Each structure stands twice: as structure tokens, then as C-alpha cells.
Amino acid sequence: MNEVAESTEFEIKVVGKSGQISLGKRYAGKTLRLERRQDGTLVLTAVAMVPETQLWALEEPHRSRIERGLTWAAVNTPRETDIDDLVTGRTRRPRRTGGRRR
């Protein structure tokens, strides 16, 4: 269950003539989302931007493949890789024929 964080401190900021406020060095370089509510309040939330080249990880069918991989990892215990087998290709799965790569 998500709990709403309680406000433990507050500051009064004055908006300058250019329409800017200073939040301090703690937020320098951060990306913030500005939410304007109907009651006039403003909410700033720090966010992480995902580059378009990385969006594939958030979309189907990639998301389900990632979930399947995480599920597999949860039920299969990790083991050390045998480097000799890896180099000689003895553990390599047979190549798929035809069709597109999934």
C-alpha cells in the first residue's frame, strides 16, 4: 500500500520578476514535473526521464519477456559459469531456423 509522505518542512519562496524560483543546489540539474491543481496549488515532483531509445523496455512484448526472465531467475538458482564450456560452445543452444527473432 502506498502511503502519502507527510510534509516535514516547508519554505516560502518568492517568484522573481522573470517567473523563476530557486530551489537550491540540491535540485540543480534535476528534472521536475510541475503539477498545477485546480485549487491553485503547485506540486513539484522529481522524475527520471527515459530516453526514447530505452522505451522498448517499458513496452510490450519486451515487458512480458523481461517479466518471464525475472520469474525464471527467481526459481532457478544461480550457478557459476564453466568458462571452458562457454568458450568451446558446448552449452550453446541449437540455432533457430526461419522465422524472426523474438
PDB file of N, CA and C in Angstrom:
ATOM      1  N   MET A   1       0.850  -1.174   0.000  1.00  0.00           N
ATOM      2  CA  MET A   1       0.000   0.000   0.000  1.00  0.00           C
ATOM      3  C   MET A   1       0.893   1.235   0.000  1.00  0.00           C
ATOM      4  N   ASN A   2       0.590   2.192  -0.855  1.00  0.00           N
ATOM      5  CA  ASN A   2       1.355   3.436  -0.917  1.00  0.00           C
ATOM      6  C   ASN A   2       0.829   4.406   0.120  1.00  0.00           C
ATOM      7  N   GLU A   3       1.745   4.942   0.879  1.00  0.00           N
ATOM      8  CA  GLU A   3       1.361   5.938   1.866  1.00  0.00           C
ATOM      9  C   GLU A   3       1.837   7.299   1.392  1.00  0.00           C
ATOM     10  N   VAL A   4       1.046   8.303   1.614  1.00  0.00           N
ATOM     11  CA  VAL A   4       1.414   9.656   1.255  1.00  0.00           C
ATOM     12  C   VAL A   4       2.438  10.156   2.263  1.00  0.00           C
ATOM     13  N   ALA A   5       3.554  10.659   1.747  1.00  0.00           N
ATOM     14  CA  ALA A   5       4.593  11.173   2.634  1.00  0.00           C
ATOM     15  C   ALA A   5       4.097  12.441   3.308  1.00  0.00           C
ATOM     16  N   GLU A   6       4.349  12.510   4.598  1.00  0.00           N
ATOM     17  CA  GLU A   6       3.935  13.697   5.342  1.00  0.00           C
ATOM     18  C   GLU A   6       4.965  14.802   5.138  1.00  0.00           C
ATOM     19  N   SER A   7       4.484  16.028   5.008  1.00  0.00           N
ATOM     20  CA  SER A   7       5.372  17.168   4.856  1.00  0.00           C
ATOM     21  C   SER A   7       6.026  17.462   6.200  1.00  0.00           C
ATOM     22  N   THR A   8       7.351  17.438   6.224  1.00  0.00           N
ATOM     23  CA  THR A   8       8.052  17.677   7.480  1.00  0.00           C
ATOM     24  C   THR A   8       8.730  19.035   7.521  1.00  0.00           C
ATOM     25  N   GLU A   9       8.826  19.694   6.395  1.00  0.00           N
ATOM     26  CA  GLU A   9       9.407  21.032   6.393  1.00  0.00           C
ATOM     27  C   GLU A   9       8.787  21.848   5.268  1.00  0.00           C
ATOM     28  N   PHE A  10       8.844  23.140   5.415  1.00  0.00           N
ATOM     29  CA  PHE A  10       8.338  23.994   4.353  1.00  0.00           C
ATOM     30  C   PHE A  10       9.169  25.258   4.307  1.00  0.00           C
ATOM     31  N   GLU A  11       9.143  25.883   3.161  1.00  0.00           N
ATOM     32  CA  GLU A  11       9.836  27.137   2.948  1.00  0.00           C
ATOM     33  C   GLU A  11       8.911  28.052   2.169  1.00  0.00           C
ATOM     34  N   ILE A  12       9.136  29.318   2.291  1.00  0.00           N
ATOM     35  CA  ILE A  12       8.415  30.289   1.483  1.00  0.00           C
ATOM     36  C   ILE A  12       9.386  30.810   0.440  1.00  0.00           C
ATOM     37  N   LYS A  13       9.002  30.695  -0.815  1.00  0.00           N
ATOM     38  CA  LYS A  13       9.829  31.148  -1.928  1.00  0.00           C
ATOM     39  C   LYS A  13       9.109  32.285  -2.637  1.00  0.00           C
ATOM     40  N   VAL A  14       9.853  33.233  -3.095  1.00  0.00           N
ATOM     41  CA  VAL A  14       9.298  34.363  -3.839  1.00  0.00           C
ATOM     42  C   VAL A  14       9.653  34.179  -5.306  1.00  0.00           C
ATOM     43  N   VAL A  15       8.643  34.272  -6.147  1.00  0.00           N
ATOM     44  CA  VAL A  15       8.871  34.166  -7.582  1.00  0.00           C
ATOM     45  C   VAL A  15       9.434  35.489  -8.069  1.00  0.00           C
ATOM     46  N   GLY A  16      10.566  35.418  -8.768  1.00  0.00           N
ATOM     47  CA  GLY A  16      11.214  36.623  -9.267  1.00  0.00           C
ATOM     48  C   GLY A  16      10.472  37.230 -10.450  1.00  0.00           C
ATOM     49  N   LYS A  17      10.931  38.383 -10.888  1.00  0.00           N
ATOM     50  CA  LYS A  17      10.284  39.088 -11.995  1.00  0.00           C
ATOM     51  C   LYS A  17      10.300  38.284 -13.285  1.00  0.00           C
ATOM     52  N   SER A  18      11.255  37.395 -13.419  1.00  0.00           N
ATOM     53  CA  SER A  18      11.345  36.575 -14.628  1.00  0.00           C
ATOM     54  C   SER A  18      10.468  35.322 -14.529  1.00  0.00           C
ATOM     55  N   GLY A  19       9.798  35.145 -13.392  1.00  0.00           N
ATOM     56  CA  GLY A  19       8.930  33.989 -13.218  1.00  0.00           C
ATOM     57  C   GLY A  19       9.651  32.765 -12.679  1.00  0.00           C
ATOM     58  N   GLN A  20      10.856  32.930 -12.169  1.00  0.00           N
ATOM     59  CA  GLN A  20      11.637  31.801 -11.680  1.00  0.00           C
ATOM     60  C   GLN A  20      11.723  31.798 -10.161  1.00  0.00           C
ATOM     61  N   ILE A  21      11.898  30.590  -9.610  1.00  0.00           N
ATOM     62  CA  ILE A  21      12.205  30.439  -8.191  1.00  0.00           C
ATOM     63  C   ILE A  21      13.480  29.617  -8.082  1.00  0.00           C
ATOM     64  N   SER A  22      14.178  29.773  -7.005  1.00  0.00           N
ATOM     65  CA  SER A  22      15.388  28.998  -6.771  1.00  0.00           C
ATOM     66  C   SER A  22      15.082  27.941  -5.718  1.00  0.00           C
ATOM     67  N   LEU A  23      15.366  26.698  -6.047  1.00  0.00           N
ATOM     68  CA  LEU A  23      15.117  25.598  -5.112  1.00  0.00           C
ATOM     69  C   LEU A  23      16.378  25.197  -4.361  1.00  0.00           C
ATOM     70  N   GLY A  24      17.505  25.727  -4.760  1.00  0.00           N
ATOM     71  CA  GLY A  24      18.766  25.407  -4.099  1.00  0.00           C
ATOM     72  C   GLY A  24      19.568  24.385  -4.884  1.00  0.00           C
ATOM     73  N   LYS A  25      20.821  24.229  -4.510  1.00  0.00           N
ATOM     74  CA  LYS A  25      21.740  23.353  -5.230  1.00  0.00           C
ATOM     75  C   LYS A  25      21.329  21.885  -5.163  1.00  0.00           C
ATOM     76  N   ARG A  26      20.576  21.536  -4.159  1.00  0.00           N
ATOM     77  CA  ARG A  26      20.125  20.138  -4.014  1.00  0.00           C
ATOM     78  C   ARG A  26      19.370  19.666  -5.254  1.00  0.00           C
ATOM     79  N   TYR A  27      18.681  20.554  -5.925  1.00  0.00           N
ATOM     80  CA  TYR A  27      17.882  20.196  -7.091  1.00  0.00           C
ATOM     81  C   TYR A  27      18.530  20.623  -8.408  1.00  0.00           C
ATOM     82  N   ALA A  28      19.747  21.117  -8.362  1.00  0.00           N
ATOM     83  CA  ALA A  28      20.435  21.563  -9.575  1.00  0.00           C
ATOM     84  C   ALA A  28      20.568  20.398 -10.555  1.00  0.00           C
ATOM     85  N   GLY A  29      20.166  20.623 -11.788  1.00  0.00           N
ATOM     86  CA  GLY A  29      20.279  19.607 -12.819  1.00  0.00           C
ATOM     87  C   GLY A  29      19.196  18.541 -12.799  1.00  0.00           C
ATOM     88  N   LYS A  30      18.312  18.579 -11.830  1.00  0.00           N
ATOM     89  CA  LYS A  30      17.234  17.574 -11.732  1.00  0.00           C
ATOM     90  C   LYS A  30      16.101  17.933 -12.680  1.00  0.00           C
ATOM     91  N   THR A  31      15.368  16.915 -13.099  1.00  0.00           N
ATOM     92  CA  THR A  31      14.176  17.126 -13.909  1.00  0.00           C
ATOM     93  C   THR A  31      12.976  17.009 -12.982  1.00  0.00           C
ATOM     94  N   LEU A  32      12.106  17.999 -13.031  1.00  0.00           N
ATOM     95  CA  LEU A  32      10.950  18.044 -12.147  1.00  0.00           C
ATOM     96  C   LEU A  32       9.661  18.104 -12.955  1.00  0.00           C
ATOM     97  N   ARG A  33       8.637  17.463 -12.436  1.00  0.00           N
ATOM     98  CA  ARG A  33       7.305  17.565 -13.041  1.00  0.00           C
ATOM     99  C   ARG A  33       6.526  18.612 -12.257  1.00  0.00           C
ATOM    100  N   LEU A  34       5.917  19.551 -12.960  1.00  0.00           N
ATOM    101  CA  LEU A  34       5.109  20.587 -12.327  1.00  0.00           C
ATOM    102  C   LEU A  34       3.646  20.232 -12.517  1.00  0.00           C
ATOM    103  N   GLU A  35       2.953  20.042 -11.403  1.00  0.00           N
ATOM    104  CA  GLU A  35       1.517  19.748 -11.429  1.00  0.00           C
ATOM    105  C   GLU A  35       0.770  20.972 -10.918  1.00  0.00           C
ATOM    106  N   ARG A  36      -0.094  21.499 -11.764  1.00  0.00           N
ATOM    107  CA  ARG A  36      -0.918  22.646 -11.374  1.00  0.00           C
ATOM    108  C   ARG A  36      -2.307  22.120 -11.036  1.00  0.00           C
ATOM    109  N   ARG A  37      -2.699  22.262  -9.792  1.00  0.00           N
ATOM    110  CA  ARG A  37      -4.008  21.757  -9.361  1.00  0.00           C
ATOM    111  C   ARG A  37      -5.069  22.842  -9.464  1.00  0.00           C
ATOM    112  N   GLN A  38      -6.321  22.402  -9.527  1.00  0.00           N
ATOM    113  CA  GLN A  38      -7.424  23.352  -9.695  1.00  0.00           C
ATOM    114  C   GLN A  38      -7.540  24.326  -8.532  1.00  0.00           C
ATOM    115  N   ASP A  39      -7.111  23.900  -7.344  1.00  0.00           N
ATOM    116  CA  ASP A  39      -7.222  24.803  -6.195  1.00  0.00           C
ATOM    117  C   ASP A  39      -6.094  25.829  -6.136  1.00  0.00           C
ATOM    118  N   GLY A  40      -5.220  25.825  -7.174  1.00  0.00           N
ATOM    119  CA  GLY A  40      -4.150  26.818  -7.233  1.00  0.00           C
ATOM    120  C   GLY A  40      -2.824  26.331  -6.674  1.00  0.00           C
ATOM    121  N   THR A  41      -2.796  25.160  -6.076  1.00  0.00           N
ATOM    122  CA  THR A  41      -1.528  24.658  -5.550  1.00  0.00           C
ATOM    123  C   THR A  41      -0.669  24.113  -6.686  1.00  0.00           C
ATOM    124  N   LEU A  42       0.620  24.170  -6.470  1.00  0.00           N
ATOM    125  CA  LEU A  42       1.594  23.632  -7.406  1.00  0.00           C
ATOM    126  C   LEU A  42       2.342  22.516  -6.701  1.00  0.00           C
ATOM    127  N   VAL A  43       2.560  21.423  -7.407  1.00  0.00           N
ATOM    128  CA  VAL A  43       3.317  20.307  -6.836  1.00  0.00           C
ATOM    129  C   VAL A  43       4.480  20.001  -7.766  1.00  0.00           C
ATOM    130  N   LEU A  44       5.690  20.062  -7.222  1.00  0.00           N
ATOM    131  CA  LEU A  44       6.892  19.702  -7.968  1.00  0.00           C
ATOM    132  C   LEU A  44       7.326  18.320  -7.521  1.00  0.00           C
ATOM    133  N   THR A  45       7.552  17.427  -8.489  1.00  0.00           N
ATOM    134  CA  THR A  45       7.971  16.068  -8.186  1.00  0.00           C
ATOM    135  C   THR A  45       9.204  15.743  -9.022  1.00  0.00           C
ATOM    136  N   ALA A  46      10.245  15.261  -8.372  1.00  0.00           N
ATOM    137  CA  ALA A  46      11.438  14.843  -9.109  1.00  0.00           C
ATOM    138  C   ALA A  46      11.094  13.608  -9.930  1.00  0.00           C
ATOM    139  N   VAL A  47      11.525  13.596 -11.191  1.00  0.00           N
ATOM    140  CA  VAL A  47      11.236  12.476 -12.086  1.00  0.00           C
ATOM    141  C   VAL A  47      12.515  12.034 -12.787  1.00  0.00           C
ATOM    142  N   ALA A  48      12.477  10.829 -13.320  1.00  0.00           N
ATOM    143  CA  ALA A  48      13.560  10.310 -14.148  1.00  0.00           C
ATOM    144  C   ALA A  48      13.033  10.211 -15.570  1.00  0.00           C
ATOM    145  N   MET A  49      13.731  10.820 -16.493  1.00  0.00           N
ATOM    146  CA  MET A  49      13.325  10.777 -17.891  1.00  0.00           C
ATOM    147  C   MET A  49      13.944   9.546 -18.547  1.00  0.00           C
ATOM    148  N   VAL A  50      13.158   8.860 -19.369  1.00  0.00           N
ATOM    149  CA  VAL A  50      13.636   7.685 -20.082  1.00  0.00           C
ATOM    150  C   VAL A  50      13.866   8.076 -21.537  1.00  0.00           C
ATOM    151  N   PRO A  51      15.099   7.918 -22.030  1.00  0.00           N
ATOM    152  CA  PRO A  51      15.354   8.244 -23.430  1.00  0.00           C
ATOM    153  C   PRO A  51      14.511   7.368 -24.354  1.00  0.00           C
ATOM    154  N   GLU A  52      14.120   7.904 -25.504  1.00  0.00           N
ATOM    155  CA  GLU A  52      13.299   7.147 -26.444  1.00  0.00           C
ATOM    156  C   GLU A  52      13.955   5.835 -26.834  1.00  0.00           C
ATOM    157  N   THR A  53      15.273   5.814 -26.900  1.00  0.00           N
ATOM    158  CA  THR A  53      15.971   4.589 -27.286  1.00  0.00           C
ATOM    159  C   THR A  53      15.838   3.493 -26.233  1.00  0.00           C
ATOM    160  N   GLN A  54      15.409   3.844 -25.033  1.00  0.00           N
ATOM    161  CA  GLN A  54      15.248   2.860 -23.968  1.00  0.00           C
ATOM    162  C   GLN A  54      13.791   2.512 -23.690  1.00  0.00           C
ATOM    163  N   LEU A  55      12.875   3.121 -24.419  1.00  0.00           N
ATOM    164  CA  LEU A  55      11.451   2.867 -24.190  1.00  0.00           C
ATOM    165  C   LEU A  55      11.042   1.438 -24.481  1.00  0.00           C
ATOM    166  N   TRP A  56      11.815   0.728 -25.282  1.00  0.00           N
ATOM    167  CA  TRP A  56      11.476  -0.654 -25.612  1.00  0.00           C
ATOM    168  C   TRP A  56      11.313  -1.498 -24.350  1.00  0.00           C
ATOM    169  N   ALA A  57      12.050  -1.166 -23.312  1.00  0.00           N
ATOM    170  CA  ALA A  57      11.989  -1.959 -22.079  1.00  0.00           C
ATOM    171  C   ALA A  57      10.664  -1.780 -21.353  1.00  0.00           C
ATOM    172  N   LEU A  58       9.931  -0.732 -21.680  1.00  0.00           N
ATOM    173  CA  LEU A  58       8.673  -0.456 -20.997  1.00  0.00           C
ATOM    174  C   LEU A  58       7.460  -0.908 -21.799  1.00  0.00           C
ATOM    175  N   GLU A  59       7.677  -1.312 -23.045  1.00  0.00           N
ATOM    176  CA  GLU A  59       6.570  -1.644 -23.921  1.00  0.00           C
ATOM    177  C   GLU A  59       6.472  -3.148 -24.136  1.00  0.00           C
ATOM    178  N   GLU A  60       5.328  -3.604 -24.563  1.00  0.00           N
ATOM    179  CA  GLU A  60       5.142  -4.987 -24.965  1.00  0.00           C
ATOM    180  C   GLU A  60       5.765  -5.155 -26.330  1.00  0.00           C
ATOM    181  N   PRO A  61       6.283  -6.294 -26.740  1.00  0.00           N
ATOM    182  CA  PRO A  61       6.313  -7.535 -25.982  1.00  0.00           C
ATOM    183  C   PRO A  61       7.502  -7.630 -25.044  1.00  0.00           C
ATOM    184  N   HIS A  62       8.349  -6.611 -25.032  1.00  0.00           N
ATOM    185  CA  HIS A  62       9.561  -6.670 -24.225  1.00  0.00           C
ATOM    186  C   HIS A  62       9.266  -6.783 -22.740  1.00  0.00           C
ATOM    187  N   ARG A  63       8.234  -6.097 -22.265  1.00  0.00           N
ATOM    188  CA  ARG A  63       7.925  -6.132 -20.843  1.00  0.00           C
ATOM    189  C   ARG A  63       7.619  -7.559 -20.397  1.00  0.00           C
ATOM    190  N   SER A  64       6.834  -8.286 -21.197  1.00  0.00           N
ATOM    191  CA  SER A  64       6.494  -9.653 -20.809  1.00  0.00           C
ATOM    192  C   SER A  64       7.727 -10.550 -20.860  1.00  0.00           C
ATOM    193  N   ARG A  65       8.636 -10.288 -21.800  1.00  0.00           N
ATOM    194  CA  ARG A  65       9.869 -11.078 -21.855  1.00  0.00           C
ATOM    195  C   ARG A  65      10.722 -10.815 -20.620  1.00  0.00           C
ATOM    196  N   ILE A  66      10.782  -9.564 -20.206  1.00  0.00           N
ATOM    197  CA  ILE A  66      11.547  -9.224 -19.002  1.00  0.00           C
ATOM    198  C   ILE A  66      10.912  -9.887 -17.782  1.00  0.00           C
ATOM    199  N   GLU A  67       9.578  -9.839 -17.688  1.00  0.00           N
ATOM    200  CA  GLU A  67       8.887 -10.465 -16.558  1.00  0.00           C
ATOM    201  C   GLU A  67       9.127 -11.969 -16.537  1.00  0.00           C
ATOM    202  N   ARG A  68       9.092 -12.614 -17.721  1.00  0.00           N
ATOM    203  CA  ARG A  68       9.363 -14.055 -17.790  1.00  0.00           C
ATOM    204  C   ARG A  68      10.784 -14.350 -17.335  1.00  0.00           C
ATOM    205  N   GLY A  69      11.716 -13.510 -17.742  1.00  0.00           N
ATOM    206  CA  GLY A  69      13.103 -13.701 -17.329  1.00  0.00           C
ATOM    207  C   GLY A  69      13.287 -13.554 -15.830  1.00  0.00           C
ATOM    208  N   LEU A  70      12.616 -12.568 -15.251  1.00  0.00           N
ATOM    209  CA  LEU A  70      12.708 -12.385 -13.800  1.00  0.00           C
ATOM    210  C   LEU A  70      12.067 -13.547 -13.054  1.00  0.00           C
ATOM    211  N   THR A  71      10.949 -14.056 -13.583  1.00  0.00           N
ATOM    212  CA  THR A  71      10.294 -15.216 -12.973  1.00  0.00           C
ATOM    213  C   THR A  71      11.213 -16.425 -13.040  1.00  0.00           C
ATOM    214  N   TRP A  72      11.836 -16.636 -14.209  1.00  0.00           N
ATOM    215  CA  TRP A  72      12.766 -17.751 -14.365  1.00  0.00           C
ATOM    216  C   TRP A  72      13.925 -17.626 -13.374  1.00  0.00           C
ATOM    217  N   ALA A  73      14.461 -16.420 -13.241  1.00  0.00           N
ATOM    218  CA  ALA A  73      15.597 -16.200 -12.341  1.00  0.00           C
ATOM    219  C   ALA A  73      15.218 -16.451 -10.889  1.00  0.00           C
ATOM    220  N   ALA A  74      13.956 -16.195 -10.552  1.00  0.00           N
ATOM    221  CA  ALA A  74      13.517 -16.394  -9.169  1.00  0.00           C
ATOM    222  C   ALA A  74      13.444 -17.873  -8.799  1.00  0.00           C
ATOM    223  N   VAL A  75      13.174 -18.734  -9.764  1.00  0.00           N
ATOM    224  CA  VAL A  75      13.026 -20.166  -9.454  1.00  0.00           C
ATOM    225  C   VAL A  75      14.257 -20.990  -9.821  1.00  0.00           C
ATOM    226  N   ASN A  76      15.215 -20.418 -10.516  1.00  0.00           N
ATOM    227  CA  ASN A  76      16.449 -21.112 -10.887  1.00  0.00           C
ATOM    228  C   ASN A  76      17.612 -20.522 -10.118  1.00  0.00           C
ATOM    229  N   THR A  77      18.272 -21.370  -9.364  1.00  0.00           N
ATOM    230  CA  THR A  77      19.373 -20.883  -8.545  1.00  0.00           C
ATOM    231  C   THR A  77      20.566 -20.530  -9.430  1.00  0.00           C
ATOM    232  N   PRO A  78      21.251 -19.440  -9.113  1.00  0.00           N
ATOM    233  CA  PRO A  78      22.418 -19.057  -9.911  1.00  0.00           C
ATOM    234  C   PRO A  78      23.533 -20.079  -9.734  1.00  0.00           C
ATOM    235  N   ARG A  79      24.310 -20.267 -10.772  1.00  0.00           N
ATOM    236  CA  ARG A  79      25.472 -21.150 -10.677  1.00  0.00           C
ATOM    237  C   ARG A  79      26.611 -20.540 -11.484  1.00  0.00           C
ATOM    238  N   GLU A  80      27.795 -20.905 -11.111  1.00  0.00           N
ATOM    239  CA  GLU A  80      28.973 -20.350 -11.762  1.00  0.00           C
ATOM    240  C   GLU A  80      29.073 -20.883 -13.190  1.00  0.00           C
ATOM    241  N   THR A  81      29.459 -20.005 -14.094  1.00  0.00           N
ATOM    242  CA  THR A  81      29.617 -20.397 -15.487  1.00  0.00           C
ATOM    243  C   THR A  81      30.914 -21.159 -15.666  1.00  0.00           C
ATOM    244  N   ASP A  82      30.853 -22.285 -16.385  1.00  0.00           N
ATOM    245  CA  ASP A  82      32.057 -23.037 -16.732  1.00  0.00           C
ATOM    246  C   ASP A  82      32.635 -22.372 -17.981  1.00  0.00           C
ATOM    247  N   ILE A  83      33.713 -21.630 -17.809  1.00  0.00           N
ATOM    248  CA  ILE A  83      34.299 -20.847 -18.898  1.00  0.00           C
ATOM    249  C   ILE A  83      34.721 -21.750 -20.054  1.00  0.00           C
ATOM    250  N   ASP A  84      35.274 -22.934 -19.753  1.00  0.00           N
ATOM    251  CA  ASP A  84      35.700 -23.837 -20.825  1.00  0.00           C
ATOM    252  C   ASP A  84      34.523 -24.255 -21.693  1.00  0.00           C
ATOM    253  N   ASP A  85      33.397 -24.583 -21.058  1.00  0.00           N
ATOM    254  CA  ASP A  85      32.202 -24.942 -21.826  1.00  0.00           C
ATOM    255  C   ASP A  85      31.714 -23.755 -22.650  1.00  0.00           C
ATOM    256  N   LEU A  86      31.783 -22.582 -22.086  1.00  0.00           N
ATOM    257  CA  LEU A  86      31.329 -21.380 -22.780  1.00  0.00           C
ATOM    258  C   LEU A  86      32.188 -21.107 -24.009  1.00  0.00           C
ATOM    259  N   VAL A  87      33.516 -21.247 -23.866  1.00  0.00           N
ATOM    260  CA  VAL A  87      34.439 -20.977 -24.964  1.00  0.00           C
ATOM    261  C   VAL A  87      34.288 -22.019 -26.074  1.00  0.00           C
ATOM    262  N   THR A  88      34.124 -23.280 -25.697  1.00  0.00           N
ATOM    263  CA  THR A  88      34.031 -24.337 -26.725  1.00  0.00           C
ATOM    264  C   THR A  88      32.632 -24.434 -27.309  1.00  0.00           C
ATOM    265  N   GLY A  89      31.680 -23.771 -26.711  1.00  0.00           N
ATOM    266  CA  GLY A  89      30.323 -23.754 -27.251  1.00  0.00           C
ATOM    267  C   GLY A  89      29.507 -24.977 -26.899  1.00  0.00           C
ATOM    268  N   ARG A  90      29.947 -25.764 -25.931  1.00  0.00           N
ATOM    269  CA  ARG A  90      29.208 -26.973 -25.561  1.00  0.00           C
ATOM    270  C   ARG A  90      27.873 -26.667 -24.909  1.00  0.00           C
ATOM    271  N   THR A  91      27.723 -25.463 -24.359  1.00  0.00           N
ATOM    272  CA  THR A  91      26.453 -25.125 -23.715  1.00  0.00           C
ATOM    273  C   THR A  91      25.535 -24.347 -24.638  1.00  0.00           C
ATOM    274  N   ARG A  92      25.983 -24.091 -25.861  1.00  0.00           N
ATOM    275  CA  ARG A  92      25.208 -23.294 -26.808  1.00  0.00           C
ATOM    276  C   ARG A  92      23.960 -24.053 -27.232  1.00  0.00           C
ATOM    277  N   ARG A  93      22.849 -23.344 -27.261  1.00  0.00           N
ATOM    278  CA  ARG A  93      21.600 -23.934 -27.726  1.00  0.00           C
ATOM    279  C   ARG A  93      21.615 -24.001 -29.241  1.00  0.00           C
ATOM    280  N   PRO A  94      20.877 -24.935 -29.823  1.00  0.00           N
ATOM    281  CA  PRO A  94      20.853 -25.018 -31.290  1.00  0.00           C
ATOM    282  C   PRO A  94      20.224 -23.753 -31.874  1.00  0.00           C
ATOM    283  N   ARG A  95      20.691 -23.384 -33.064  1.00  0.00           N
ATOM    284  CA  ARG A  95      20.167 -22.201 -33.743  1.00  0.00           C
ATOM    285  C   ARG A  95      18.749 -22.443 -34.196  1.00  0.00           C
ATOM    286  N   ARG A  96      17.957 -21.398 -34.172  1.00  0.00           N
ATOM    287  CA  ARG A  96      16.607 -21.469 -34.704  1.00  0.00           C
ATOM    288  C   ARG A  96      16.678 -21.385 -36.226  1.00  0.00           C
ATOM    289  N   THR A  97      15.756 -22.033 -36.864  1.00  0.00           N
ATOM    290  CA  THR A  97      15.713 -21.931 -38.324  1.00  0.00           C
ATOM    291  C   THR A  97      14.456 -21.225 -38.722  1.00  0.00           C
ATOM    292  N   GLY A  98      14.603 -20.239 -39.583  1.00  0.00           N
ATOM    293  CA  GLY A  98      13.450 -19.497 -40.095  1.00  0.00           C
ATOM    294  C   GLY A  98      12.811 -18.630 -39.035  1.00  0.00           C
ATOM    295  N   GLY A  99      11.807 -17.904 -39.442  1.00  0.00           N
ATOM    296  CA  GLY A  99      11.088 -17.032 -38.501  1.00  0.00           C
ATOM    297  C   GLY A  99      11.907 -15.846 -38.094  1.00  0.00           C
ATOM    298  N   ARG A 100      11.275 -14.962 -37.388  1.00  0.00           N
ATOM    299  CA  ARG A 100      12.019 -13.789 -36.933  1.00  0.00           C
ATOM    300  C   ARG A 100      12.440 -13.965 -35.498  1.00  0.00           C
ATOM    301  N   ARG A 101      13.453 -13.243 -35.128  1.00  0.00           N
ATOM    302  CA  ARG A 101      13.986 -13.329 -33.768  1.00  0.00           C
ATOM    303  C   ARG A 101      12.992 -12.737 -32.794  1.00  0.00           C
ATOM    304  N   ARG A 102      12.848 -13.379 -31.680  1.00  0.00           N
ATOM    305  CA  ARG A 102      11.887 -12.907 -30.675  1.00  0.00           C
ATOM    306  C   ARG A 102      12.580 -12.231 -29.553  1.00  0.00           C
TER     307      ARG A 102
END
